[in-house]
Amino acid sequence: MVKEERDAAAEVLKALAHPVRLGVVEILANGERTVTQLYEELGCSQSMMSQQLKILCQQKLVEIRKDGTQKYCSLCNRDFLKVFTCMHKHLRQFLNLHD
């Protein structure tokens, strides 16, 4: 990677560096959800979820579409889930964390 790509990659990874944002991506791996479903499932407030979704959207990890009064969230790039596979393996093999 050239410097510009490393800088951009660091920003994308920073966007994931929060437990709620990681949870959002994990949940959306199973398909589209409403904002309400996300904050209820992750046990955070609606305002907290809005803040976290803004960060994920800025890095094009998540997109939001409106349908009436509902906002639906989905992943922009499902290939990005490969990062989670690598992280899961690292946590289990090298940091000895288990379910």
Protein backbone atom coordinates (compact mmCIF):
# COMPACT_ATOMS: atom_id res chain seq x y z
CA MET A 1 0.00 0.00 0.00
CA VAL A 2 1.06 3.55 -0.60
CA LYS A 3 0.80 6.12 2.21
CA GLU A 4 -2.61 7.41 1.05
CA GLU A 5 -4.02 3.86 1.13
CA ARG A 6 -2.51 3.18 4.58
CA ASP A 7 -4.06 6.38 5.89
CA ALA A 8 -7.45 5.47 4.43
CA ALA A 9 -7.19 1.89 5.77
CA ALA A 10 -6.40 3.25 9.24
CA GLU A 11 -9.55 5.39 9.12
CA VAL A 12 -11.69 2.39 8.12
CA LEU A 13 -10.21 0.30 10.94
CA LYS A 14 -10.76 3.17 13.40
CA ALA A 15 -14.42 3.15 12.37
CA LEU A 16 -14.62 -0.43 13.64
CA ALA A 17 -12.75 0.25 16.88
CA HIS A 18 -15.80 0.31 19.14
CA PRO A 19 -17.78 -2.63 20.55
CA VAL A 20 -21.13 -1.26 19.35
CA ARG A 21 -19.84 -0.68 15.82
CA LEU A 22 -18.36 -4.18 15.72
CA GLY A 23 -21.72 -5.50 16.89
CA VAL A 24 -23.56 -3.61 14.16
CA VAL A 25 -21.39 -5.14 11.44
CA GLU A 26 -21.77 -8.62 12.96
CA ILE A 27 -25.56 -8.30 13.09
CA LEU A 28 -25.78 -6.91 9.57
CA ALA A 29 -23.79 -9.90 8.32
CA ASN A 30 -27.10 -11.75 8.71
CA GLY A 31 -29.03 -9.21 6.63
CA GLU A 32 -30.71 -5.85 6.74
CA ARG A 33 -32.03 -4.52 10.08
CA THR A 34 -33.84 -1.41 11.21
CA VAL A 35 -32.05 1.08 13.43
CA THR A 36 -34.49 0.12 16.20
CA GLN A 37 -33.63 -3.56 15.86
CA LEU A 38 -29.94 -2.75 16.06
CA TYR A 39 -30.06 -0.64 19.22
CA GLU A 40 -32.44 -3.04 20.93
CA GLU A 41 -30.28 -6.06 20.10
CA LEU A 42 -27.07 -4.32 21.19
CA GLY A 43 -28.61 -2.78 24.31
CA CYS A 44 -27.71 0.83 23.65
CA SER A 45 -29.72 4.03 23.28
CA GLN A 46 -31.12 5.32 20.02
CA SER A 47 -28.82 8.36 20.17
CA MET A 48 -25.76 6.14 20.75
CA MET A 49 -26.75 4.00 17.77
CA SER A 50 -27.18 7.07 15.57
CA GLN A 51 -23.68 8.27 16.48
CA GLN A 52 -22.15 4.86 15.76
CA LEU A 53 -24.00 4.43 12.46
CA LYS A 54 -22.81 7.86 11.30
CA ILE A 55 -19.20 6.75 11.75
CA LEU A 56 -19.80 3.45 9.92
CA CYS A 57 -21.58 5.25 7.08
CA GLN A 58 -18.78 7.81 6.70
CA GLN A 59 -16.37 4.96 5.94
CA LYS A 60 -18.87 3.25 3.60
CA LEU A 61 -19.11 0.18 5.82
CA VAL A 62 -22.87 0.55 6.33
CA GLU A 63 -25.59 2.19 4.27
CA ILE A 64 -28.99 3.37 5.43
CA ARG A 65 -32.15 3.57 3.37
CA LYS A 66 -35.41 5.12 4.46
CA ASP A 67 -38.81 3.53 3.90
CA GLY A 68 -41.56 5.66 5.38
CA THR A 69 -40.61 6.31 8.99
CA GLN A 70 -38.24 3.33 9.22
CA LYS A 71 -34.52 3.44 8.55
CA TYR A 72 -32.98 0.19 7.30
CA CYS A 73 -29.27 -0.58 7.60
CA SER A 74 -27.18 -2.97 5.55
CA LEU A 75 -23.55 -3.66 4.79
CA CYS A 76 -22.00 -1.87 1.82
CA ASN A 77 -19.37 -4.54 1.17
CA ARG A 78 -19.94 -8.08 2.40
CA ASP A 79 -16.34 -8.97 1.50
CA PHE A 80 -15.34 -6.88 4.50
CA LEU A 81 -16.65 -9.68 6.74
CA LYS A 82 -13.41 -11.56 5.98
CA VAL A 83 -11.76 -9.18 8.47
CA PHE A 84 -14.06 -10.65 11.14
CA THR A 85 -13.01 -14.18 10.25
CA CYS A 86 -9.37 -13.17 10.69
CA MET A 87 -10.14 -11.37 13.96
CA HIS A 88 -12.06 -14.35 15.33
CA LYS A 89 -9.13 -16.65 14.55
CA HIS A 90 -6.64 -14.24 16.13
CA LEU A 91 -8.69 -13.91 19.32
CA ARG A 92 -8.98 -17.70 19.69
CA GLN A 93 -5.48 -18.79 18.66
CA PHE A 94 -3.26 -15.99 19.90
CA LEU A 95 -5.18 -14.29 22.71
CA ASN A 96 -6.79 -17.50 23.99
CA LEU A 97 -10.28 -16.00 24.11
CA HIS A 98 -13.09 -18.53 23.80
CA ASP A 99 -16.87 -18.34 23.57
